[in-house]
Amino acid sequence: MSYVVTEACIKCKYMDCVEVCPVDCFYEGENMLVINADECIDCGVCEPECPAEAIVSDGTAKAEPWIEVNRRYAALWPNINRKTASAPDSEQWKGIDGKFERFFSPRPGEGG
């Protein structure tokens, strides 16, 4: 088991999870983070750190549609191992549903 990032991260991209991850399993897209399940050690320290509540265990029903998204983009995007600035307007996007269909970007982030 591991954790996955859901659409709640889109356009928020808080980095608190990256800062606490002991194995650096986060990968950065232009407007979202994902977790590499093969690197995640299921420690769970990232989940409570996310202000957008975007991180869930992959054993939950809420995670199901995000497992493949995380797997695919963790293979394409750069690894990120340090906290950088969140999206400047992240607070206005927190809690908004349907962000994947409207705002998801497949482009990689800057990494770090």
PDB file of N, CA and C in Angstrom:
ATOM      1  N   MET A   1       0.818  -1.175   0.000  1.00  0.00           N
ATOM      2  CA  MET A   1       0.000   0.000   0.000  1.00  0.00           C
ATOM      3  C   MET A   1       0.870   1.250   0.000  1.00  0.00           C
ATOM      4  N   SER A   2       0.321   2.311  -0.552  1.00  0.00           N
ATOM      5  CA  SER A   2       1.009   3.594  -0.546  1.00  0.00           C
ATOM      6  C   SER A   2      -0.051   4.692  -0.524  1.00  0.00           C
ATOM      7  N   TYR A   3       0.376   5.887  -0.821  1.00  0.00           N
ATOM      8  CA  TYR A   3      -0.527   7.025  -0.853  1.00  0.00           C
ATOM      9  C   TYR A   3      -0.576   7.596  -2.263  1.00  0.00           C
ATOM     10  N   VAL A   4      -1.658   8.308  -2.570  1.00  0.00           N
ATOM     11  CA  VAL A   4      -1.802   8.971  -3.860  1.00  0.00           C
ATOM     12  C   VAL A   4      -2.265  10.398  -3.640  1.00  0.00           C
ATOM     13  N   VAL A   5      -1.983  11.230  -4.621  1.00  0.00           N
ATOM     14  CA  VAL A   5      -2.435  12.615  -4.601  1.00  0.00           C
ATOM     15  C   VAL A   5      -3.665  12.695  -5.494  1.00  0.00           C
ATOM     16  N   THR A   6      -4.699  13.364  -5.017  1.00  0.00           N
ATOM     17  CA  THR A   6      -5.956  13.493  -5.758  1.00  0.00           C
ATOM     18  C   THR A   6      -6.055  14.883  -6.400  1.00  0.00           C
ATOM     19  N   GLU A   7      -7.159  15.107  -7.096  1.00  0.00           N
ATOM     20  CA  GLU A   7      -7.345  16.378  -7.797  1.00  0.00           C
ATOM     21  C   GLU A   7      -7.402  17.586  -6.873  1.00  0.00           C
ATOM     22  N   ALA A   8      -7.577  17.367  -5.579  1.00  0.00           N
ATOM     23  CA  ALA A   8      -7.601  18.499  -4.645  1.00  0.00           C
ATOM     24  C   ALA A   8      -6.291  19.279  -4.668  1.00  0.00           C
ATOM     25  N   CYS A   9      -5.225  18.657  -5.160  1.00  0.00           N
ATOM     26  CA  CYS A   9      -3.917  19.319  -5.241  1.00  0.00           C
ATOM     27  C   CYS A   9      -3.838  20.311  -6.408  1.00  0.00           C
ATOM     28  N   ILE A  10      -4.624  20.076  -7.428  1.00  0.00           N
ATOM     29  CA  ILE A  10      -4.536  20.900  -8.646  1.00  0.00           C
ATOM     30  C   ILE A  10      -4.800  22.368  -8.324  1.00  0.00           C
ATOM     31  N   LYS A  11      -3.916  23.205  -8.812  1.00  0.00           N
ATOM     32  CA  LYS A  11      -3.951  24.661  -8.653  1.00  0.00           C
ATOM     33  C   LYS A  11      -3.710  25.123  -7.212  1.00  0.00           C
ATOM     34  N   CYS A  12      -3.427  24.186  -6.307  1.00  0.00           N
ATOM     35  CA  CYS A  12      -3.025  24.533  -4.939  1.00  0.00           C
ATOM     36  C   CYS A  12      -1.545  24.221  -4.793  1.00  0.00           C
ATOM     37  N   LYS A  13      -1.213  22.974  -5.051  1.00  0.00           N
ATOM     38  CA  LYS A  13       0.162  22.484  -5.026  1.00  0.00           C
ATOM     39  C   LYS A  13       0.925  22.962  -3.795  1.00  0.00           C
ATOM     40  N   TYR A  14       0.318  22.692  -2.645  1.00  0.00           N
ATOM     41  CA  TYR A  14       1.026  22.959  -1.397  1.00  0.00           C
ATOM     42  C   TYR A  14       2.223  22.012  -1.336  1.00  0.00           C
ATOM     43  N   MET A  15       3.278  22.409  -0.692  1.00  0.00           N
ATOM     44  CA  MET A  15       4.497  21.604  -0.663  1.00  0.00           C
ATOM     45  C   MET A  15       4.827  21.068   0.731  1.00  0.00           C
ATOM     46  N   ASP A  16       3.914  21.185   1.662  1.00  0.00           N
ATOM     47  CA  ASP A  16       4.156  20.702   3.020  1.00  0.00           C
ATOM     48  C   ASP A  16       4.470  19.213   3.033  1.00  0.00           C
ATOM     49  N   CYS A  17       3.836  18.447   2.159  1.00  0.00           N
ATOM     50  CA  CYS A  17       4.042  16.998   2.071  1.00  0.00           C
ATOM     51  C   CYS A  17       5.472  16.660   1.643  1.00  0.00           C
ATOM     52  N   VAL A  18       5.996  17.429   0.732  1.00  0.00           N
ATOM     53  CA  VAL A  18       7.352  17.199   0.227  1.00  0.00           C
ATOM     54  C   VAL A  18       8.362  17.368   1.353  1.00  0.00           C
ATOM     55  N   GLU A  19       8.131  18.354   2.170  1.00  0.00           N
ATOM     56  CA  GLU A  19       9.052  18.670   3.258  1.00  0.00           C
ATOM     57  C   GLU A  19       9.176  17.539   4.280  1.00  0.00           C
ATOM     58  N   VAL A  20       8.109  16.790   4.510  1.00  0.00           N
ATOM     59  CA  VAL A  20       8.138  15.741   5.538  1.00  0.00           C
ATOM     60  C   VAL A  20       8.406  14.336   4.994  1.00  0.00           C
ATOM     61  N   CYS A  21       8.376  14.162   3.693  1.00  0.00           N
ATOM     62  CA  CYS A  21       8.546  12.827   3.100  1.00  0.00           C
ATOM     63  C   CYS A  21       9.969  12.304   3.320  1.00  0.00           C
ATOM     64  N   PRO A  22      10.116  11.155   3.988  1.00  0.00           N
ATOM     65  CA  PRO A  22      11.458  10.639   4.261  1.00  0.00           C
ATOM     66  C   PRO A  22      12.134   9.946   3.076  1.00  0.00           C
ATOM     67  N   VAL A  23      11.371   9.670   2.015  1.00  0.00           N
ATOM     68  CA  VAL A  23      11.951   8.933   0.879  1.00  0.00           C
ATOM     69  C   VAL A  23      11.879   9.702  -0.446  1.00  0.00           C
ATOM     70  N   ASP A  24      11.460  10.944  -0.422  1.00  0.00           N
ATOM     71  CA  ASP A  24      11.428  11.783  -1.633  1.00  0.00           C
ATOM     72  C   ASP A  24      10.665  11.123  -2.779  1.00  0.00           C
ATOM     73  N   CYS A  25       9.419  10.742  -2.525  1.00  0.00           N
ATOM     74  CA  CYS A  25       8.624  10.053  -3.552  1.00  0.00           C
ATOM     75  C   CYS A  25       7.635  10.960  -4.275  1.00  0.00           C
ATOM     76  N   PHE A  26       7.775  12.285  -4.128  1.00  0.00           N
ATOM     77  CA  PHE A  26       6.882  13.220  -4.804  1.00  0.00           C
ATOM     78  C   PHE A  26       7.483  13.690  -6.127  1.00  0.00           C
ATOM     79  N   TYR A  27       6.602  13.873  -7.109  1.00  0.00           N
ATOM     80  CA  TYR A  27       6.990  14.336  -8.436  1.00  0.00           C
ATOM     81  C   TYR A  27       6.110  15.524  -8.779  1.00  0.00           C
ATOM     82  N   GLU A  28       6.716  16.492  -9.463  1.00  0.00           N
ATOM     83  CA  GLU A  28       6.053  17.782  -9.653  1.00  0.00           C
ATOM     84  C   GLU A  28       5.608  18.038 -11.079  1.00  0.00           C
ATOM     85  N   GLY A  29       4.298  18.298 -11.210  1.00  0.00           N
ATOM     86  CA  GLY A  29       3.746  18.773 -12.466  1.00  0.00           C
ATOM     87  C   GLY A  29       3.590  20.272 -12.409  1.00  0.00           C
ATOM     88  N   GLU A  30       3.158  20.839 -13.496  1.00  0.00           N
ATOM     89  CA  GLU A  30       2.982  22.288 -13.556  1.00  0.00           C
ATOM     90  C   GLU A  30       2.044  22.803 -12.466  1.00  0.00           C
ATOM     91  N   ASN A  31       0.938  22.068 -12.197  1.00  0.00           N
ATOM     92  CA  ASN A  31      -0.002  22.567 -11.196  1.00  0.00           C
ATOM     93  C   ASN A  31      -0.489  21.497 -10.209  1.00  0.00           C
ATOM     94  N   MET A  32       0.293  20.417 -10.074  1.00  0.00           N
ATOM     95  CA  MET A  32      -0.089  19.321  -9.181  1.00  0.00           C
ATOM     96  C   MET A  32       1.141  18.494  -8.834  1.00  0.00           C
ATOM     97  N   LEU A  33       1.093  17.817  -7.706  1.00  0.00           N
ATOM     98  CA  LEU A  33       2.113  16.839  -7.333  1.00  0.00           C
ATOM     99  C   LEU A  33       1.523  15.439  -7.454  1.00  0.00           C
ATOM    100  N   VAL A  34       2.369  14.426  -7.618  1.00  0.00           N
ATOM    101  CA  VAL A  34       1.952  13.028  -7.569  1.00  0.00           C
ATOM    102  C   VAL A  34       2.967  12.250  -6.739  1.00  0.00           C
ATOM    103  N   ILE A  35       2.580  11.042  -6.341  1.00  0.00           N
ATOM    104  CA  ILE A  35       3.443  10.162  -5.551  1.00  0.00           C
ATOM    105  C   ILE A  35       3.791   8.935  -6.374  1.00  0.00           C
ATOM    106  N   ASN A  36       5.056   8.543  -6.340  1.00  0.00           N
ATOM    107  CA  ASN A  36       5.497   7.306  -6.970  1.00  0.00           C
ATOM    108  C   ASN A  36       5.240   6.172  -5.975  1.00  0.00           C
ATOM    109  N   ALA A  37       4.290   5.288  -6.290  1.00  0.00           N
ATOM    110  CA  ALA A  37       3.893   4.209  -5.377  1.00  0.00           C
ATOM    111  C   ALA A  37       5.026   3.229  -5.111  1.00  0.00           C
ATOM    112  N   ASP A  38       5.938   3.074  -6.072  1.00  0.00           N
ATOM    113  CA  ASP A  38       7.059   2.154  -5.878  1.00  0.00           C
ATOM    114  C   ASP A  38       8.084   2.695  -4.880  1.00  0.00           C
ATOM    115  N   GLU A  39       8.083   3.986  -4.668  1.00  0.00           N
ATOM    116  CA  GLU A  39       9.019   4.612  -3.735  1.00  0.00           C
ATOM    117  C   GLU A  39       8.387   4.918  -2.380  1.00  0.00           C
ATOM    118  N   CYS A  40       7.077   5.077  -2.350  1.00  0.00           N
ATOM    119  CA  CYS A  40       6.363   5.396  -1.120  1.00  0.00           C
ATOM    120  C   CYS A  40       6.474   4.220  -0.143  1.00  0.00           C
ATOM    121  N   ILE A  41       6.801   4.519   1.112  1.00  0.00           N
ATOM    122  CA  ILE A  41       6.948   3.464   2.119  1.00  0.00           C
ATOM    123  C   ILE A  41       5.723   3.373   3.028  1.00  0.00           C
ATOM    124  N   ASP A  42       4.645   4.046   2.659  1.00  0.00           N
ATOM    125  CA  ASP A  42       3.384   3.979   3.385  1.00  0.00           C
ATOM    126  C   ASP A  42       3.517   4.435   4.836  1.00  0.00           C
ATOM    127  N   CYS A  43       4.368   5.425   5.068  1.00  0.00           N
ATOM    128  CA  CYS A  43       4.550   5.910   6.440  1.00  0.00           C
ATOM    129  C   CYS A  43       3.403   6.818   6.870  1.00  0.00           C
ATOM    130  N   GLY A  44       2.758   7.481   5.903  1.00  0.00           N
ATOM    131  CA  GLY A  44       1.608   8.311   6.196  1.00  0.00           C
ATOM    132  C   GLY A  44       1.887   9.698   6.726  1.00  0.00           C
ATOM    133  N   VAL A  45       3.144  10.103   6.828  1.00  0.00           N
ATOM    134  CA  VAL A  45       3.421  11.424   7.398  1.00  0.00           C
ATOM    135  C   VAL A  45       2.960  12.564   6.488  1.00  0.00           C
ATOM    136  N   CYS A  46       2.843  12.310   5.207  1.00  0.00           N
ATOM    137  CA  CYS A  46       2.434  13.355   4.268  1.00  0.00           C
ATOM    138  C   CYS A  46       0.946  13.692   4.360  1.00  0.00           C
ATOM    139  N   GLU A  47       0.131  12.693   4.635  1.00  0.00           N
ATOM    140  CA  GLU A  47      -1.327  12.876   4.599  1.00  0.00           C
ATOM    141  C   GLU A  47      -1.823  14.003   5.502  1.00  0.00           C
ATOM    142  N   PRO A  48      -1.483  14.037   6.771  1.00  0.00           N
ATOM    143  CA  PRO A  48      -1.996  15.117   7.617  1.00  0.00           C
ATOM    144  C   PRO A  48      -1.350  16.479   7.346  1.00  0.00           C
ATOM    145  N   GLU A  49      -0.247  16.508   6.610  1.00  0.00           N
ATOM    146  CA  GLU A  49       0.441  17.767   6.316  1.00  0.00           C
ATOM    147  C   GLU A  49      -0.207  18.554   5.185  1.00  0.00           C
ATOM    148  N   CYS A  50      -1.031  17.917   4.377  1.00  0.00           N
ATOM    149  CA  CYS A  50      -1.611  18.571   3.200  1.00  0.00           C
ATOM    150  C   CYS A  50      -2.793  19.459   3.584  1.00  0.00           C
ATOM    151  N   PRO A  51      -2.665  20.785   3.427  1.00  0.00           N
ATOM    152  CA  PRO A  51      -3.761  21.695   3.760  1.00  0.00           C
ATOM    153  C   PRO A  51      -5.007  21.487   2.891  1.00  0.00           C
ATOM    154  N   ALA A  52      -4.825  20.930   1.690  1.00  0.00           N
ATOM    155  CA  ALA A  52      -5.949  20.715   0.779  1.00  0.00           C
ATOM    156  C   ALA A  52      -6.581  19.334   0.947  1.00  0.00           C
ATOM    157  N   GLU A  53      -6.017  18.521   1.850  1.00  0.00           N
ATOM    158  CA  GLU A  53      -6.488  17.148   2.066  1.00  0.00           C
ATOM    159  C   GLU A  53      -6.507  16.362   0.754  1.00  0.00           C
ATOM    160  N   ALA A  54      -5.436  16.529  -0.020  1.00  0.00           N
ATOM    161  CA  ALA A  54      -5.331  15.918  -1.346  1.00  0.00           C
ATOM    162  C   ALA A  54      -4.659  14.551  -1.333  1.00  0.00           C
ATOM    163  N   ILE A  55      -4.131  14.122  -0.204  1.00  0.00           N
ATOM    164  CA  ILE A  55      -3.393  12.865  -0.134  1.00  0.00           C
ATOM    165  C   ILE A  55      -4.224  11.834   0.617  1.00  0.00           C
ATOM    166  N   VAL A  56      -4.408  10.662  -0.031  1.00  0.00           N
ATOM    167  CA  VAL A  56      -5.182   9.578   0.580  1.00  0.00           C
ATOM    168  C   VAL A  56      -4.466   8.253   0.373  1.00  0.00           C
ATOM    169  N   SER A  57      -4.778   7.283   1.223  1.00  0.00           N
ATOM    170  CA  SER A  57      -4.222   5.944   1.082  1.00  0.00           C
ATOM    171  C   SER A  57      -4.781   5.299  -0.180  1.00  0.00           C
ATOM    172  N   ASP A  58      -3.939   4.569  -0.913  1.00  0.00           N
ATOM    173  CA  ASP A  58      -4.418   3.963  -2.153  1.00  0.00           C
ATOM    174  C   ASP A  58      -5.370   2.797  -1.915  1.00  0.00           C
ATOM    175  N   GLY A  59      -5.616   2.444  -0.674  1.00  0.00           N
ATOM    176  CA  GLY A  59      -6.570   1.389  -0.358  1.00  0.00           C
ATOM    177  C   GLY A  59      -7.987   1.903  -0.146  1.00  0.00           C
ATOM    178  N   THR A  60      -8.203   3.189  -0.333  1.00  0.00           N
ATOM    179  CA  THR A  60      -9.534   3.776  -0.139  1.00  0.00           C
ATOM    180  C   THR A  60     -10.238   3.970  -1.481  1.00  0.00           C
ATOM    181  N   ALA A  61     -11.548   4.020  -1.442  1.00  0.00           N
ATOM    182  CA  ALA A  61     -12.337   4.229  -2.660  1.00  0.00           C
ATOM    183  C   ALA A  61     -12.017   5.580  -3.301  1.00  0.00           C
ATOM    184  N   LYS A  62     -11.753   6.575  -2.483  1.00  0.00           N
ATOM    185  CA  LYS A  62     -11.433   7.917  -2.999  1.00  0.00           C
ATOM    186  C   LYS A  62     -10.155   7.915  -3.841  1.00  0.00           C
ATOM    187  N   ALA A  63      -9.258   6.971  -3.564  1.00  0.00           N
ATOM    188  CA  ALA A  63      -7.973   6.906  -4.274  1.00  0.00           C
ATOM    189  C   ALA A  63      -8.072   6.244  -5.644  1.00  0.00           C
ATOM    190  N   GLU A  64      -9.042   5.400  -5.827  1.00  0.00           N
ATOM    191  CA  GLU A  64      -9.130   4.566  -7.036  1.00  0.00           C
ATOM    192  C   GLU A  64      -8.874   5.308  -8.353  1.00  0.00           C
ATOM    193  N   PRO A  65      -9.559   6.408  -8.643  1.00  0.00           N
ATOM    194  CA  PRO A  65      -9.314   7.075  -9.931  1.00  0.00           C
ATOM    195  C   PRO A  65      -7.947   7.754 -10.041  1.00  0.00           C
ATOM    196  N   TRP A  66      -7.227   7.899  -8.934  1.00  0.00           N
ATOM    197  CA  TRP A  66      -5.968   8.640  -8.912  1.00  0.00           C
ATOM    198  C   TRP A  66      -4.737   7.755  -8.935  1.00  0.00           C
ATOM    199  N   ILE A  67      -4.900   6.466  -8.745  1.00  0.00           N
ATOM    200  CA  ILE A  67      -3.763   5.548  -8.743  1.00  0.00           C
ATOM    201  C   ILE A  67      -3.036   5.583 -10.079  1.00  0.00           C
ATOM    202  N   GLU A  68      -3.761   5.503 -11.176  1.00  0.00           N
ATOM    203  CA  GLU A  68      -3.142   5.515 -12.498  1.00  0.00           C
ATOM    204  C   GLU A  68      -2.562   6.889 -12.838  1.00  0.00           C
ATOM    205  N   VAL A  69      -3.230   7.952 -12.446  1.00  0.00           N
ATOM    206  CA  VAL A  69      -2.711   9.308 -12.683  1.00  0.00           C
ATOM    207  C   VAL A  69      -1.364   9.466 -11.981  1.00  0.00           C
ATOM    208  N   ASN A  70      -1.288   9.051 -10.728  1.00  0.00           N
ATOM    209  CA  ASN A  70      -0.032   9.139  -9.980  1.00  0.00           C
ATOM    210  C   ASN A  70       1.046   8.276 -10.619  1.00  0.00           C
ATOM    211  N   ARG A  71       0.714   7.054 -10.995  1.00  0.00           N
ATOM    212  CA  ARG A  71       1.689   6.154 -11.609  1.00  0.00           C
ATOM    213  C   ARG A  71       2.240   6.743 -12.910  1.00  0.00           C
ATOM    214  N   ARG A  72       1.338   7.199 -13.750  1.00  0.00           N
ATOM    215  CA  ARG A  72       1.749   7.715 -15.063  1.00  0.00           C
ATOM    216  C   ARG A  72       2.640   8.952 -14.950  1.00  0.00           C
ATOM    217  N   TYR A  73       2.218   9.913 -14.162  1.00  0.00           N
ATOM    218  CA  TYR A  73       2.962  11.173 -14.119  1.00  0.00           C
ATOM    219  C   TYR A  73       4.205  11.121 -13.230  1.00  0.00           C
ATOM    220  N   ALA A  74       4.255  10.190 -12.293  1.00  0.00           N
ATOM    221  CA  ALA A  74       5.495  10.013 -11.520  1.00  0.00           C
ATOM    222  C   ALA A  74       6.614   9.532 -12.444  1.00  0.00           C
ATOM    223  N   ALA A  75       6.254   8.853 -13.520  1.00  0.00           N
ATOM    224  CA  ALA A  75       7.251   8.387 -14.492  1.00  0.00           C
ATOM    225  C   ALA A  75       7.677   9.486 -15.467  1.00  0.00           C
ATOM    226  N   LEU A  76       6.903  10.548 -15.556  1.00  0.00           N
ATOM    227  CA  LEU A  76       7.167  11.610 -16.540  1.00  0.00           C
ATOM    228  C   LEU A  76       7.692  12.917 -15.935  1.00  0.00           C
ATOM    229  N   TRP A  77       7.281  13.208 -14.723  1.00  0.00           N
ATOM    230  CA  TRP A  77       7.612  14.483 -14.107  1.00  0.00           C
ATOM    231  C   TRP A  77       8.878  14.388 -13.260  1.00  0.00           C
ATOM    232  N   PRO A  78       9.528  15.529 -12.994  1.00  0.00           N
ATOM    233  CA  PRO A  78      10.749  15.517 -12.171  1.00  0.00           C
ATOM    234  C   PRO A  78      10.452  15.290 -10.687  1.00  0.00           C
ATOM    235  N   ASN A  79      11.369  14.624 -10.045  1.00  0.00           N
ATOM    236  CA  ASN A  79      11.291  14.397  -8.610  1.00  0.00           C
ATOM    237  C   ASN A  79      11.491  15.727  -7.891  1.00  0.00           C
ATOM    238  N   ILE A  80      10.774  15.896  -6.803  1.00  0.00           N
ATOM    239  CA  ILE A  80      10.945  17.096  -5.987  1.00  0.00           C
ATOM    240  C   ILE A  80      11.243  16.640  -4.561  1.00  0.00           C
ATOM    241  N   ASN A  81      12.282  17.211  -3.967  1.00  0.00           N
ATOM    242  CA  ASN A  81      12.675  16.766  -2.637  1.00  0.00           C
ATOM    243  C   ASN A  81      12.828  17.901  -1.634  1.00  0.00           C
ATOM    244  N   ARG A  82      12.339  19.078  -2.015  1.00  0.00           N
ATOM    245  CA  ARG A  82      12.355  20.189  -1.057  1.00  0.00           C
ATOM    246  C   ARG A  82      11.129  21.062  -1.298  1.00  0.00           C
ATOM    247  N   LYS A  83      10.690  21.681  -0.237  1.00  0.00           N
ATOM    248  CA  LYS A  83       9.512  22.539  -0.299  1.00  0.00           C
ATOM    249  C   LYS A  83       9.837  23.820  -1.057  1.00  0.00           C
ATOM    250  N   THR A  84       8.978  24.169  -1.983  1.00  0.00           N
ATOM    251  CA  THR A  84       9.059  25.455  -2.672  1.00  0.00           C
ATOM    252  C   THR A  84       7.719  26.156  -2.458  1.00  0.00           C
ATOM    253  N   ALA A  85       7.554  27.309  -3.031  1.00  0.00           N
ATOM    254  CA  ALA A  85       6.324  28.081  -2.841  1.00  0.00           C
ATOM    255  C   ALA A  85       5.115  27.382  -3.450  1.00  0.00           C
ATOM    256  N   SER A  86       4.012  27.447  -2.759  1.00  0.00           N
ATOM    257  CA  SER A  86       2.739  26.943  -3.279  1.00  0.00           C
ATOM    258  C   SER A  86       2.254  27.904  -4.360  1.00  0.00           C
ATOM    259  N   ALA A  87       1.217  27.479  -5.062  1.00  0.00           N
ATOM    260  CA  ALA A  87       0.618  28.374  -6.057  1.00  0.00           C
ATOM    261  C   ALA A  87       0.179  29.660  -5.346  1.00  0.00           C
ATOM    262  N   PRO A  88       0.419  30.826  -5.952  1.00  0.00           N
ATOM    263  CA  PRO A  88       0.109  32.091  -5.276  1.00  0.00           C
ATOM    264  C   PRO A  88      -1.369  32.264  -4.929  1.00  0.00           C
ATOM    265  N   ASP A  89      -2.248  31.642  -5.700  1.00  0.00           N
ATOM    266  CA  ASP A  89      -3.682  31.756  -5.438  1.00  0.00           C
ATOM    267  C   ASP A  89      -4.264  30.437  -4.915  1.00  0.00           C
ATOM    268  N   SER A  90      -3.438  29.651  -4.252  1.00  0.00           N
ATOM    269  CA  SER A  90      -3.838  28.316  -3.809  1.00  0.00           C
ATOM    270  C   SER A  90      -5.077  28.314  -2.912  1.00  0.00           C
ATOM    271  N   GLU A  91      -5.182  29.272  -2.036  1.00  0.00           N
ATOM    272  CA  GLU A  91      -6.323  29.301  -1.111  1.00  0.00           C
ATOM    273  C   GLU A  91      -7.668  29.405  -1.843  1.00  0.00           C
ATOM    274  N   GLN A  92      -7.705  30.110  -2.954  1.00  0.00           N
ATOM    275  CA  GLN A  92      -8.976  30.263  -3.670  1.00  0.00           C
ATOM    276  C   GLN A  92      -9.404  28.966  -4.360  1.00  0.00           C
ATOM    277  N   TRP A  93      -8.462  28.039  -4.596  1.00  0.00           N
ATOM    278  CA  TRP A  93      -8.773  26.783  -5.278  1.00  0.00           C
ATOM    279  C   TRP A  93      -9.007  25.622  -4.322  1.00  0.00           C
ATOM    280  N   LYS A  94      -8.730  25.821  -3.079  1.00  0.00           N
ATOM    281  CA  LYS A  94      -8.884  24.770  -2.069  1.00  0.00           C
ATOM    282  C   LYS A  94     -10.358  24.398  -1.931  1.00  0.00           C
ATOM    283  N   GLY A  95     -10.639  23.087  -2.006  1.00  0.00           N
ATOM    284  CA  GLY A  95     -12.006  22.596  -1.827  1.00  0.00           C
ATOM    285  C   GLY A  95     -12.884  22.620  -3.067  1.00  0.00           C
ATOM    286  N   ILE A  96     -12.344  23.019  -4.197  1.00  0.00           N
ATOM    287  CA  ILE A  96     -13.112  23.065  -5.447  1.00  0.00           C
ATOM    288  C   ILE A  96     -13.126  21.672  -6.079  1.00  0.00           C
ATOM    289  N   ASP A  97     -14.291  21.178  -6.464  1.00  0.00           N
ATOM    290  CA  ASP A  97     -14.419  19.876  -7.130  1.00  0.00           C
ATOM    291  C   ASP A  97     -14.295  20.027  -8.644  1.00  0.00           C
ATOM    292  N   GLY A  98     -13.991  18.929  -9.321  1.00  0.00           N
ATOM    293  CA  GLY A  98     -13.947  18.909 -10.782  1.00  0.00           C
ATOM    294  C   GLY A  98     -12.750  19.617 -11.387  1.00  0.00           C
ATOM    295  N   LYS A  99     -11.683  19.761 -10.629  1.00  0.00           N
ATOM    296  CA  LYS A  99     -10.516  20.485 -11.144  1.00  0.00           C
ATOM    297  C   LYS A  99      -9.749  19.698 -12.195  1.00  0.00           C
ATOM    298  N   PHE A 100      -9.752  18.381 -12.114  1.00  0.00           N
ATOM    299  CA  PHE A 100      -8.974  17.591 -13.070  1.00  0.00           C
ATOM    300  C   PHE A 100      -9.446  17.837 -14.498  1.00  0.00           C
ATOM    301  N   GLU A 101     -10.708  17.734 -14.734  1.00  0.00           N
ATOM    302  CA  GLU A 101     -11.256  17.916 -16.081  1.00  0.00           C
ATOM    303  C   GLU A 101     -11.050  19.332 -16.610  1.00  0.00           C
ATOM    304  N   ARG A 102     -11.078  20.302 -15.735  1.00  0.00           N
ATOM    305  CA  ARG A 102     -10.997  21.697 -16.170  1.00  0.00           C
ATOM    306  C   ARG A 102      -9.594  22.281 -16.155  1.00  0.00           C
ATOM    307  N   PHE A 103      -8.734  21.837 -15.233  1.00  0.00           N
ATOM    308  CA  PHE A 103      -7.477  22.552 -15.045  1.00  0.00           C
ATOM    309  C   PHE A 103      -6.201  21.712 -15.049  1.00  0.00           C
ATOM    310  N   PHE A 104      -6.301  20.398 -15.062  1.00  0.00           N
ATOM    311  CA  PHE A 104      -5.095  19.570 -14.990  1.00  0.00           C
ATOM    312  C   PHE A 104      -4.148  19.872 -16.153  1.00  0.00           C
ATOM    313  N   SER A 105      -2.870  19.990 -15.852  1.00  0.00           N
ATOM    314  CA  SER A 105      -1.842  20.192 -16.871  1.00  0.00           C
ATOM    315  C   SER A 105      -0.886  18.989 -16.853  1.00  0.00           C
ATOM    316  N   PRO A 106      -0.673  18.355 -18.004  1.00  0.00           N
ATOM    317  CA  PRO A 106       0.264  17.237 -18.064  1.00  0.00           C
ATOM    318  C   PRO A 106       1.731  17.699 -18.130  1.00  0.00           C
ATOM    319  N   ARG A 107       1.952  18.995 -18.202  1.00  0.00           N
ATOM    320  CA  ARG A 107       3.313  19.517 -18.298  1.00  0.00           C
ATOM    321  C   ARG A 107       4.066  19.338 -16.993  1.00  0.00           C
ATOM    322  N   PRO A 108       5.357  19.064 -17.068  1.00  0.00           N
ATOM    323  CA  PRO A 108       6.151  18.901 -15.843  1.00  0.00           C
ATOM    324  C   PRO A 108       6.372  20.216 -15.120  1.00  0.00           C
ATOM    325  N   GLY A 109       6.648  20.104 -13.843  1.00  0.00           N
ATOM    326  CA  GLY A 109       7.023  21.260 -13.047  1.00  0.00           C
ATOM    327  C   GLY A 109       8.517  21.464 -13.137  1.00  0.00           C
ATOM    328  N   GLU A 110       9.021  22.303 -12.289  1.00  0.00           N
ATOM    329  CA  GLU A 110      10.447  22.627 -12.314  1.00  0.00           C
ATOM    330  C   GLU A 110      11.291  21.606 -11.591  1.00  0.00           C
ATOM    331  N   GLY A 111      10.692  20.804 -10.704  1.00  0.00           N
ATOM    332  CA  GLY A 111      11.471  19.817  -9.937  1.00  0.00           C
ATOM    333  C   GLY A 111      12.341  20.506  -8.912  1.00  0.00           C
ATOM    334  N   GLY A 112      13.050  19.702  -8.139  1.00  0.00           N
ATOM    335  CA  GLY A 112      13.924  20.333  -7.178  1.00  0.00           C
ATOM    336  C   GLY A 112      14.230  19.503  -6.076  1.00  0.00           C
TER     337      GLY A 112
END
